[in-house]
Protein backbone atom coordinates (compact mmCIF):
# COMPACT_ATOMS: atom_id res chain seq x y z
CA MET A 1 145.47 113.16 111.62
CA LYS A 2 142.56 114.76 113.44
CA LYS A 3 139.06 113.49 112.64
CA THR A 4 135.71 113.02 114.34
CA LEU A 5 134.92 109.54 115.60
CA ASP A 6 132.49 109.01 112.71
CA GLU A 7 135.19 110.06 110.25
CA TRP A 8 137.68 107.64 111.80
CA VAL A 9 135.16 104.75 111.60
CA ASP A 10 134.50 105.63 107.96
CA HIS A 11 138.24 105.86 107.27
CA VAL A 12 139.24 102.48 108.70
CA SER A 13 136.12 100.55 107.56
CA LYS A 14 135.30 102.21 104.25
CA LYS A 15 136.76 99.26 102.33
CA PRO A 16 136.28 96.29 104.66
CA SER A 17 138.59 93.33 104.22
CA LEU A 18 137.41 89.73 104.14
CA LEU A 19 138.68 89.22 107.70
CA PHE A 20 136.82 92.24 109.09
CA THR A 21 133.69 91.30 107.16
CA LEU A 22 133.79 87.77 108.59
CA MET A 23 134.21 89.17 112.11
CA VAL A 24 131.12 91.35 111.75
CA MET A 25 129.00 88.77 109.96
CA SER A 26 129.84 85.86 112.27
CA SER A 27 129.21 87.92 115.42
CA THR A 28 125.52 88.08 114.51
CA PHE A 29 125.13 84.27 114.45
CA VAL A 30 123.81 84.56 118.01
CA TRP A 31 120.63 86.03 116.53
CA ALA A 32 119.83 82.61 115.06
CA ALA A 33 120.41 81.07 118.49
CA SER A 34 118.11 83.67 120.05
CA SER A 35 115.19 82.99 117.71
CA THR A 36 115.65 79.26 118.24
CA SER A 37 115.40 79.73 122.00
CA VAL A 38 112.36 81.99 121.69
CA TYR A 39 110.22 79.55 119.71
CA LEU A 40 111.49 76.28 121.17
CA ALA A 41 108.56 76.26 123.61
CA ALA A 42 106.10 76.14 120.70
CA PHE A 43 107.43 72.66 119.81
CA GLN A 44 108.22 71.46 123.33
CA GLY A 45 104.64 72.03 124.46
CA ARG A 46 102.76 70.08 121.79
CA ASP A 47 99.34 68.72 122.70
CA PRO A 48 98.79 64.95 122.85
CA GLU A 49 97.47 63.24 119.73
CA PRO A 50 95.21 60.17 119.46
CA GLY A 51 97.34 57.18 120.42
CA ASP A 52 99.29 59.13 123.03
CA TRP A 53 97.00 57.91 125.82
CA VAL A 54 95.36 54.65 126.87
CA CYS A 55 92.52 53.93 129.27
CA VAL A 56 93.49 52.12 132.46
CA THR A 57 90.03 51.84 134.05
CA ASP A 58 86.75 50.27 132.94
CA LEU A 59 85.04 53.65 133.27
CA CYS A 60 87.44 55.20 130.78
CA LYS A 61 87.04 52.27 128.37
CA SER A 62 83.26 52.75 128.41
CA VAL A 63 83.61 56.39 127.26
CA ASN A 64 84.42 57.34 123.68
CA ILE A 65 87.62 59.42 123.85
CA SER A 66 89.21 58.95 120.45
CA THR A 67 90.05 62.64 120.04
CA LEU A 68 91.75 65.23 122.23
CA THR A 69 88.55 67.30 122.38
CA GLN A 70 86.60 64.30 123.70
CA LEU A 71 89.33 63.60 126.25
CA CYS A 72 89.38 67.18 127.50
CA ASP A 73 85.58 67.37 127.63
CA SER A 74 85.51 64.19 129.73
CA LEU A 75 88.14 65.63 132.07
CA TYR A 76 87.00 69.26 132.46
CA VAL A 77 83.51 69.78 130.98
CA ASN A 78 81.51 66.64 131.79
CA LYS A 79 84.03 65.62 134.48
CA THR A 80 83.28 61.95 133.94
CA LEU A 81 86.97 61.08 134.06
CA THR A 82 90.08 62.09 135.96
CA MET A 83 93.73 61.80 134.99
CA ALA A 84 93.83 58.63 137.11
CA ASP A 85 91.61 56.95 134.49
CA ILE A 86 94.13 57.37 131.68
CA LYS A 87 97.83 56.79 131.13
CA MET A 88 99.89 59.01 128.90
CA GLN A 89 102.40 57.22 126.67
CA PRO A 90 103.28 59.77 123.98
CA LYS A 91 105.61 58.96 121.11
CA ARG A 92 107.02 62.48 121.50
CA THR A 93 107.31 63.95 124.99
CA SER A 94 105.92 67.38 125.80
CA PHE A 95 105.88 69.63 128.85
CA ALA A 96 102.17 70.19 128.16
CA ILE A 97 101.63 66.46 128.72
CA ASP A 98 104.11 66.15 131.59
CA PHE A 99 102.51 69.05 133.49
CA ASN A 100 98.90 68.35 132.35
CA ILE A 101 98.28 71.75 130.73
CA PHE A 102 97.10 70.69 127.29
CA CYS A 103 93.30 71.11 127.44
CA LYS A 104 91.73 74.35 126.22
CA SER A 105 88.64 73.54 128.27
CA ASP A 106 90.87 73.72 131.35
CA LYS A 107 91.23 77.51 131.42
CA GLY A 108 93.84 77.44 134.14
CA GLY A 109 95.91 74.86 132.29
CA GLN A 110 95.74 76.75 128.99
CA ALA A 111 96.85 79.95 130.71
CA LYS A 112 99.77 78.08 132.29
CA LYS A 113 100.85 76.82 128.89
CA THR A 114 100.75 80.30 127.35
CA LEU A 115 102.62 81.64 130.38
CA ILE A 116 105.60 79.42 129.53
CA SER A 117 105.94 81.17 126.17
CA SER A 118 105.45 84.62 127.67
CA MET A 119 107.86 84.21 130.61
CA TYR A 120 110.71 84.33 128.10
CA PHE A 121 109.91 88.00 127.60
CA VAL A 122 109.84 88.72 131.32
CA GLY A 123 113.45 87.58 131.29
CA ALA A 124 114.13 89.59 128.13
CA LEU A 125 112.80 92.71 129.89
CA ILE A 126 115.04 92.07 132.90
CA GLY A 127 118.01 91.43 130.63
CA LEU A 128 117.43 94.61 128.65
CA LEU A 129 116.92 96.82 131.69
CA SER A 130 120.12 95.51 133.23
CA GLY A 131 121.71 95.70 129.79
CA GLY A 132 121.02 99.42 129.68
CA TYR A 133 123.63 99.79 132.40
CA LEU A 134 125.97 97.04 131.20
CA TYR A 135 126.13 98.21 127.56
CA ASP A 136 127.01 101.81 128.46
CA ASN A 137 129.29 101.10 131.42
CA MET A 138 130.83 97.64 131.06
CA GLY A 139 131.06 97.57 127.29
CA ARG A 140 129.28 95.96 124.35
CA LYS A 141 131.54 92.89 124.19
CA LYS A 142 131.59 92.06 127.92
CA ALA A 143 127.82 92.52 128.17
CA ALA A 144 127.34 90.15 125.21
CA LEU A 145 129.56 87.46 126.77
CA SER A 146 127.64 87.77 130.05
CA GLY A 147 124.45 87.05 128.14
CA VAL A 148 126.04 84.00 126.47
CA VAL A 149 126.93 82.48 129.86
CA ILE A 150 123.37 82.93 131.15
CA ALA A 151 121.74 81.54 127.97
CA VAL A 152 124.01 78.49 127.84
CA ALA A 153 123.44 77.70 131.53
CA ALA A 154 119.65 77.97 131.17
CA SER A 155 119.60 75.66 128.12
CA PHE A 156 121.81 73.07 129.83
CA VAL A 157 119.70 72.98 133.02
CA GLY A 158 116.60 72.58 130.85
CA THR A 159 117.89 69.14 129.88
CA PHE A 160 117.06 67.94 133.39
CA CYS A 161 113.87 69.99 134.00
CA LYS A 162 110.98 68.01 135.50
CA SER A 163 109.13 70.85 137.23
CA TYR A 164 106.71 73.44 135.87
CA ALA A 165 108.08 76.10 138.24
CA LEU A 166 111.66 75.37 137.15
CA LEU A 167 110.62 75.57 133.48
CA LEU A 168 109.14 79.03 134.08
CA ALA A 169 112.38 80.12 135.76
CA LEU A 170 114.48 78.73 132.90
CA ARG A 171 112.39 80.62 130.34
CA VAL A 172 113.09 83.81 132.29
CA PHE A 173 116.85 83.16 132.27
CA HIS A 174 116.71 82.27 128.58
CA GLY A 175 115.16 85.66 127.93
CA ILE A 176 117.76 87.47 130.05
CA GLY A 177 120.71 85.81 128.34
CA ASN A 178 119.57 85.79 124.73
CA PHE A 179 118.32 89.36 124.55
CA LEU A 180 121.31 90.64 126.49
CA VAL A 181 123.71 89.15 123.96
CA ALA A 182 121.64 89.83 120.81
CA THR A 183 121.10 93.52 121.61
CA ALA A 184 124.74 94.04 122.63
CA VAL A 185 125.98 92.54 119.36
CA PHE A 186 123.56 94.65 117.30
CA ILE A 187 124.65 97.89 119.00
CA TRP A 188 128.29 96.93 118.46
CA THR A 189 127.67 96.18 114.77
CA MET A 190 126.05 99.57 114.14
CA GLU A 191 128.93 101.35 115.89
CA VAL A 192 131.88 99.80 114.06
CA LEU A 193 130.45 100.22 110.55
CA PRO A 194 130.32 103.36 108.36
CA SER A 195 126.88 104.93 107.83
CA ASN A 196 126.53 103.60 104.26
CA TYR A 197 126.88 99.99 105.46
CA ARG A 198 124.48 100.09 108.42
CA ASN A 199 121.32 99.47 106.37
CA TYR A 200 122.85 96.37 104.75
CA ALA A 201 124.23 95.11 108.07
CA ASN A 202 120.81 95.53 109.67
CA GLY A 203 119.13 93.55 106.89
CA TYR A 204 121.75 90.81 107.14
CA THR A 205 121.37 90.57 110.93
CA GLN A 206 117.60 90.23 110.68
CA THR A 207 117.91 87.46 108.07
CA ILE A 208 120.18 85.60 110.49
CA TRP A 209 117.26 85.72 112.94
CA CYS A 210 115.20 83.85 110.30
CA VAL A 211 117.71 80.99 110.32
CA GLY A 212 116.40 80.09 113.77
CA TYR A 213 112.97 79.18 112.32
CA PRO A 214 114.01 76.12 110.31
CA VAL A 215 116.51 75.20 113.04
CA VAL A 216 113.85 75.16 115.77
CA ALA A 217 111.40 73.34 113.49
CA LEU A 218 114.11 70.76 112.76
CA LEU A 219 114.91 70.31 116.45
CA GLY A 220 111.23 69.91 117.24
CA TYR A 221 110.74 67.40 114.44
CA LEU A 222 113.87 65.26 114.82
CA ILE A 223 114.20 65.16 118.63
CA PRO A 224 111.20 63.47 120.27
CA ASN A 225 112.18 64.35 123.86
CA TRP A 226 111.56 67.98 124.84
CA ASN A 227 114.35 67.93 127.44
CA HIS A 228 116.84 66.75 124.83
CA GLN A 229 115.75 69.63 122.60
CA TYR A 230 117.12 71.93 125.31
CA LEU A 231 120.48 70.14 125.14
CA ALA A 232 120.62 70.56 121.36
CA CYS A 233 119.71 74.23 121.79
CA CYS A 234 122.54 74.61 124.32
CA VAL A 235 125.09 73.29 121.81
CA PHE A 236 123.69 75.57 119.10
CA VAL A 237 123.98 78.65 121.36
CA ILE A 238 127.62 77.82 122.19
CA VAL A 239 128.60 77.35 118.53
CA CYS A 240 126.88 80.58 117.45
CA SER A 241 128.50 82.58 120.28
CA ILE A 242 132.14 81.65 119.65
CA PRO A 243 132.80 84.55 117.19
CA ILE A 244 131.98 87.11 119.92
CA LEU A 245 135.24 86.19 121.65
CA PHE A 246 137.18 87.71 118.74
CA ILE A 247 135.38 91.02 118.15
CA VAL A 248 137.09 94.37 118.81
CA GLU A 249 135.31 96.53 121.39
CA SER A 250 133.50 99.57 119.97
CA PRO A 251 135.65 102.73 119.98
CA ARG A 252 132.45 104.71 120.57
CA PHE A 253 131.97 102.95 123.91
CA TYR A 254 135.50 103.85 125.00
CA MET A 255 134.90 107.50 124.11
CA ILE A 256 131.75 107.83 126.25
CA VAL A 257 133.59 106.36 129.26
CA ASN A 258 136.44 108.85 128.75
CA ARG A 259 139.02 106.33 127.55
CA PRO A 260 140.22 107.89 124.26
CA ASP A 261 143.42 105.86 124.54
CA LEU A 262 141.44 102.62 124.28
CA ALA A 263 139.23 104.12 121.56
CA LYS A 264 142.36 104.81 119.51
CA ASP A 265 143.56 101.28 120.13
CA SER A 266 140.24 99.90 118.82
CA ILE A 267 140.44 102.12 115.75
CA GLN A 268 143.99 100.92 115.11
CA ARG A 269 142.98 97.26 115.48
CA ILE A 270 140.05 97.70 113.07
CA ALA A 271 142.37 99.44 110.62
CA SER A 272 144.82 96.52 110.91
CA LEU A 273 142.02 94.03 110.20
CA ASN A 274 141.18 96.02 107.07
CA GLY A 275 144.79 96.08 105.89
CA ILE A 276 145.37 99.76 106.72
CA SER A 277 148.70 100.72 108.26
CA LEU A 278 147.92 103.14 111.07
CA LYS A 279 149.80 103.97 114.26
CA VAL A 280 147.95 104.79 117.47
CA SER A 281 150.11 107.92 117.81
CA ASP A 282 148.76 109.18 114.46
CA ILE A 283 145.13 109.05 115.64
CA GLU A 284 143.61 112.26 116.97
CA ILE A 285 139.89 112.34 117.80
CA LYS A 286 138.17 115.74 117.70
CA GLU A 287 135.78 114.76 120.51
CA GLU A 288 138.77 114.56 122.86
CA SER A 289 138.90 118.35 123.06
CA ALA A 290 135.14 118.81 123.45
CA GLY A 291 135.31 118.69 127.25
CA VAL A 292 135.15 115.91 129.79
CA ARG A 293 131.78 114.23 130.22
CA GLN A 294 131.57 111.75 133.09
CA GLN A 295 129.52 108.73 132.00
CA SER A 296 127.22 107.60 134.82
CA ILE A 297 123.59 106.71 135.44
CA LEU A 298 123.09 110.06 137.20
CA GLN A 299 124.54 111.96 134.24
CA GLN A 300 122.29 110.04 131.83
CA LEU A 301 119.21 110.87 133.91
CA LYS A 302 120.18 114.56 134.09
CA GLU A 303 120.44 114.70 130.30
CA PHE A 304 117.02 113.09 129.90
CA VAL A 305 115.59 115.95 131.97
CA GLN A 306 117.72 118.56 130.23
CA TYR A 307 116.68 117.55 126.70
CA PRO A 308 112.88 116.89 126.48
CA VAL A 309 113.18 116.53 122.70
CA PHE A 310 115.35 113.48 123.29
CA VAL A 311 112.77 112.08 125.74
CA LEU A 312 109.89 112.51 123.27
CA GLU A 313 111.82 110.75 120.51
CA THR A 314 112.53 107.88 122.90
CA VAL A 315 108.86 107.59 123.96
CA ILE A 316 107.71 107.44 120.32
CA MET A 317 110.16 104.64 119.62
CA MET A 318 109.09 102.80 122.78
CA LEU A 319 105.45 102.84 121.62
CA THR A 320 106.47 101.59 118.17
CA TRP A 321 108.55 98.78 119.66
CA PHE A 322 105.63 97.80 121.92
CA LEU A 323 103.11 97.58 119.08
CA THR A 324 105.51 95.71 116.80
CA ALA A 325 106.37 93.08 119.41
CA LEU A 326 102.74 92.71 120.49
CA SER A 327 101.62 91.81 116.98
CA TYR A 328 104.84 90.02 115.91
CA TYR A 329 105.02 87.56 118.80
CA GLY A 330 101.26 87.30 119.08
CA PHE A 331 101.09 85.88 115.57
CA ASN A 332 104.31 83.84 115.85
CA PHE A 333 103.12 82.04 118.98
CA GLY A 334 99.66 81.61 117.47
CA TRP A 335 100.38 79.75 114.24
CA GLY A 336 99.11 76.56 115.85
CA SER A 337 95.62 78.10 115.93
CA LEU A 338 95.89 80.25 112.80
CA VAL A 339 97.20 77.76 110.22
CA PRO A 340 96.42 74.06 109.64
CA ASN A 341 99.96 72.79 110.40
CA VAL A 342 102.27 74.31 113.02
CA TYR A 343 105.49 73.12 111.33
CA LEU A 344 104.32 74.57 108.01
CA GLY A 345 103.30 77.77 109.79
CA TYR A 346 106.78 78.37 111.18
CA VAL A 347 108.53 77.50 107.92
CA ILE A 348 106.28 79.90 105.98
CA ALA A 349 106.70 82.54 108.70
CA GLY A 350 110.49 82.21 108.54
CA PHE A 351 110.45 82.50 104.74
CA SER A 352 108.09 85.49 104.92
CA GLU A 353 110.39 87.26 107.34
CA PHE A 354 113.41 86.50 105.19
CA VAL A 355 111.69 88.08 102.19
CA SER A 356 110.69 91.14 104.23
CA TYR A 357 114.22 91.69 105.59
CA VAL A 358 115.83 91.42 102.17
CA ALA A 359 113.24 93.70 100.57
CA LEU A 360 113.58 96.21 103.40
CA VAL A 361 117.21 96.94 102.48
CA GLY A 362 116.07 98.25 99.09
CA ILE A 363 113.03 100.04 100.54
CA ILE A 364 115.15 101.93 103.09
CA ALA A 365 117.75 102.77 100.45
CA LYS A 366 114.95 104.30 98.34
CA LEU A 367 112.71 105.90 100.98
CA GLY A 368 114.96 106.36 103.98
CA ARG A 369 114.30 105.17 107.55
CA ARG A 370 111.36 107.41 108.47
CA ARG A 371 109.22 107.13 105.32
CA SER A 372 109.82 103.37 105.17
CA LEU A 373 108.47 102.98 108.70
CA ILE A 374 105.40 105.11 107.99
CA THR A 375 104.60 103.05 104.88
CA LEU A 376 105.16 99.67 106.55
CA LEU A 377 103.12 100.61 109.62
CA ALA A 378 100.23 101.65 107.34
CA LEU A 379 100.38 98.28 105.52
CA SER A 380 100.48 96.46 108.88
CA VAL A 381 97.34 98.28 110.03
CA LEU A 382 95.62 97.34 106.76
CA SER A 383 96.47 93.65 107.27
CA PHE A 384 95.06 93.75 110.83
CA LEU A 385 91.77 95.19 109.54
CA VAL A 386 91.49 92.64 106.70
CA SER A 387 92.07 89.80 109.22
CA ILE A 388 88.81 90.70 110.98
CA ALA A 389 86.69 89.34 108.09
CA ASP A 390 85.49 85.71 108.40
CA VAL A 391 86.20 84.12 105.01
CA ASN A 392 86.95 80.39 104.71
CA LEU A 393 89.36 79.58 101.87
CA GLY A 394 89.27 75.80 102.34
CA ALA A 395 91.84 73.15 103.36
CA GLY A 396 92.04 74.66 106.83
CA TRP A 397 93.00 78.11 105.53
CA SER A 398 91.05 81.34 105.94
CA LEU A 399 91.40 84.98 104.95
CA GLU A 400 92.55 85.59 108.53
CA SER A 401 95.46 83.11 108.30
CA VAL A 402 96.59 84.40 104.88
CA SER A 403 96.27 88.04 105.95
CA SER A 404 98.12 87.26 109.18
CA LEU A 405 101.04 85.79 107.22
CA MET A 406 101.03 88.83 104.93
CA GLY A 407 100.83 91.08 107.97
CA LEU A 408 103.83 89.30 109.46
CA ILE A 409 105.88 90.40 106.42
CA PHE A 410 105.08 94.06 107.14
CA VAL A 411 105.43 93.74 110.92
CA SER A 412 108.77 91.93 110.53
CA ALA A 413 109.99 94.71 108.27
CA VAL A 414 108.92 97.28 110.88
CA PHE A 415 110.83 95.32 113.55
CA SER A 416 113.95 95.32 111.41
CA ALA A 417 113.61 99.01 110.56
CA ILE A 418 113.16 100.15 114.17
CA TYR A 419 116.32 98.29 115.21
CA LEU A 420 118.27 100.31 112.64
CA TYR A 421 116.39 103.56 113.28
CA SER A 422 116.79 103.34 117.07
CA SER A 423 120.53 102.76 116.80
CA GLU A 424 120.88 105.95 114.75
CA LEU A 425 118.39 108.14 116.64
CA ALA A 426 119.91 107.46 120.06
CA PRO A 427 123.18 109.18 121.02
CA THR A 428 126.18 107.01 121.83
CA SER A 429 126.08 108.14 125.47
CA HIS A 430 122.54 106.72 125.88
CA ARG A 431 122.33 104.07 123.16
CA GLY A 432 122.33 101.19 125.61
CA VAL A 433 119.69 102.84 127.81
CA VAL A 434 117.47 103.77 124.84
CA PHE A 435 117.69 100.22 123.47
CA ALA A 436 116.89 98.89 126.93
CA LEU A 437 113.82 101.13 127.23
CA SER A 438 112.63 100.58 123.66
CA SER A 439 113.27 96.86 123.48
CA GLY A 440 112.09 96.58 127.09
CA SER A 441 108.71 98.03 126.10
CA ALA A 442 108.73 95.52 123.25
CA ARG A 443 109.17 92.71 125.78
CA ILE A 444 105.98 93.85 127.52
CA GLY A 445 104.28 93.59 124.13
CA SER A 446 105.97 90.22 123.57
CA PHE A 447 104.60 88.95 126.89
CA LEU A 448 101.05 90.08 126.05
CA GLY A 449 101.13 88.97 122.40
CA PRO A 450 100.66 85.20 122.93
CA PHE A 451 97.74 85.89 125.27
CA VAL A 452 96.12 88.12 122.63
CA ILE A 453 96.19 85.43 119.93
CA ASN A 454 95.85 82.26 122.03
CA ASN A 455 93.48 83.46 124.77
CA LEU A 456 91.78 86.78 124.01
CA TYR A 457 90.68 85.53 120.58
CA GLU A 458 88.52 82.92 122.33
CA MET A 459 87.13 85.30 124.96
CA THR A 460 85.83 88.03 122.62
CA HIS A 461 85.32 88.79 118.94
CA LYS A 462 88.66 88.84 117.12
CA GLY A 463 87.83 92.34 115.87
CA VAL A 464 88.54 93.68 119.37
CA PRO A 465 92.25 92.74 119.64
CA LEU A 466 92.84 93.43 115.93
CA GLY A 467 91.11 96.80 116.28
CA VAL A 468 93.36 97.68 119.22
CA LEU A 469 96.45 96.75 117.16
CA SER A 470 95.19 98.96 114.32
CA PHE A 471 94.62 101.93 116.66
CA LEU A 472 98.11 101.60 118.15
CA GLY A 473 99.53 101.40 114.64
CA LEU A 474 97.89 104.70 113.69
CA MET A 475 99.37 106.32 116.82
CA CYS A 476 102.84 105.11 115.83
CA ILE A 477 102.40 106.50 112.31
CA ALA A 478 101.54 109.90 113.79
CA GLY A 479 104.64 109.75 116.00
CA MET A 480 106.90 108.96 113.04
CA PHE A 481 106.21 112.40 111.54
CA TYR A 482 107.92 113.96 114.58
CA LEU A 483 111.14 111.98 114.19
CA VAL A 484 114.07 113.07 112.03
CA GLU A 485 115.54 111.21 109.07
CA THR A 486 118.89 109.56 109.90
CA ASN A 487 119.72 108.10 106.49
CA ASP A 488 123.51 108.33 105.92
CA LYS A 489 123.86 110.88 108.73
CA GLU A 490 126.50 110.92 111.46
CA ILE A 491 125.47 109.15 114.66
CA PRO A 492 125.05 111.66 117.54
CA ASN A 493 127.27 111.11 120.56
CA THR A 494 125.36 113.20 123.13
CA PRO A 495 121.76 114.43 123.68
CA ALA A 496 122.96 117.95 122.81
CA GLN A 497 123.70 116.72 119.29
CA VAL A 498 120.24 115.07 119.18
CA LYS A 499 118.68 118.50 119.83
CA ALA A 500 120.93 120.25 117.33
CA ARG A 501 120.07 117.94 114.43
CA ARG A 502 116.37 118.95 114.62
CA ALA A 503 117.19 122.43 113.36
CA TYR A 504 116.34 121.50 109.76
CA HIS A 505 113.59 118.94 110.44
CA THR A 506 110.25 119.14 108.63
CA TYR A 507 107.09 117.19 109.43
CA ARG A 508 106.27 116.33 105.83
CA PHE A 509 106.19 112.74 104.55
């Protein structure tokens, strides 16, 4: 039987068995481990509370320092005390206390604390840029397992971390490992499923990310020692990564590295998992006779130059990823200052994201990828603009905090949608590179996001950063009109096919 690669994937996975379904669903468990690692720093770096310090000198005892604000003012504003005058004895340990970076009045210390959160995304950027090569040359499965090893090692070493510099380094390696494995698994998932299942698989994967929210809140609440939280995270990463050992490598990867024999073997193994009797000798792939294309970095670069349409589509997606991550992680690392209770903030945020991911499946099924993104980006911009107003709602809540939580629903949906859209826009030959560039630009936004909410808010009127987010959102909306709809369409294998599919594109909503 002679079929295209898409037709073969549809043929062997059209009616997935329980075993195949479990393989796909369990492989995405690492997304929960990734979100846990991302936000662990928000709980490990808690500020000291009254009762966490005692005065050890007469000078300190003569000064009223019953609150953290009074303590910080005495240390950095009035400078009547030094750290030698007090002794920290917290009930729950914190790297903010251990490294003395908990006072907002100490600008250098506050920046150091925010840097710990942001360094994760420096590592994520490194992991994704290196992943661009690994995904398309070493394979989706091997790249994912490489990320697991790095993430597990970083979490384990964190158990013994007593140095600020080492903590920064560990956050970098956490980012490298977790985003390397999460992105590899997502690409693999989109490539082994038929087109009509990809929307549902994307929604499911994003909801798995939400599982990390209650897990990290539970770790932060139940484990009083921040180093021990790293050990618990290490165990969680290992458990979630075990299913990756049993996945079948993507046949699409084998085709772009000119190994049709291995592609046929993968197709046969997937067919076997789904209860379909199929011999390797019966599998003929039409792309085999399309000419030999040598997969290499040089060839990928040549095709970027040769197909400017492909480049423009990639740039538009990079901008959208950047904006989404900037606002998404800015809010998610800022709940401590936006809502009255940080634990409540993360639980509500996790629930909000879960709702958005589930709802997005129906929205995309109704509107398609492109129109869904335009609509959700417009709603995100609206939430940014509403957040500018100063309206106190009482009990520690404001219009800004409520609008920010509502905005997170739309931004989370955009994040989920661009994962799916990017996987279908990019050709198989460049999918790893495009994800590396797009998600890499998102990591730059992720790095800047916590500074926007935690630092820039205090330096200028909040309308400035929120206005910038709104302007970037409008630019992304304009870019979406250029992109093509990919709903239930075959995934392109080469940039030439990316150019060809634009023949019937219109710029209407």
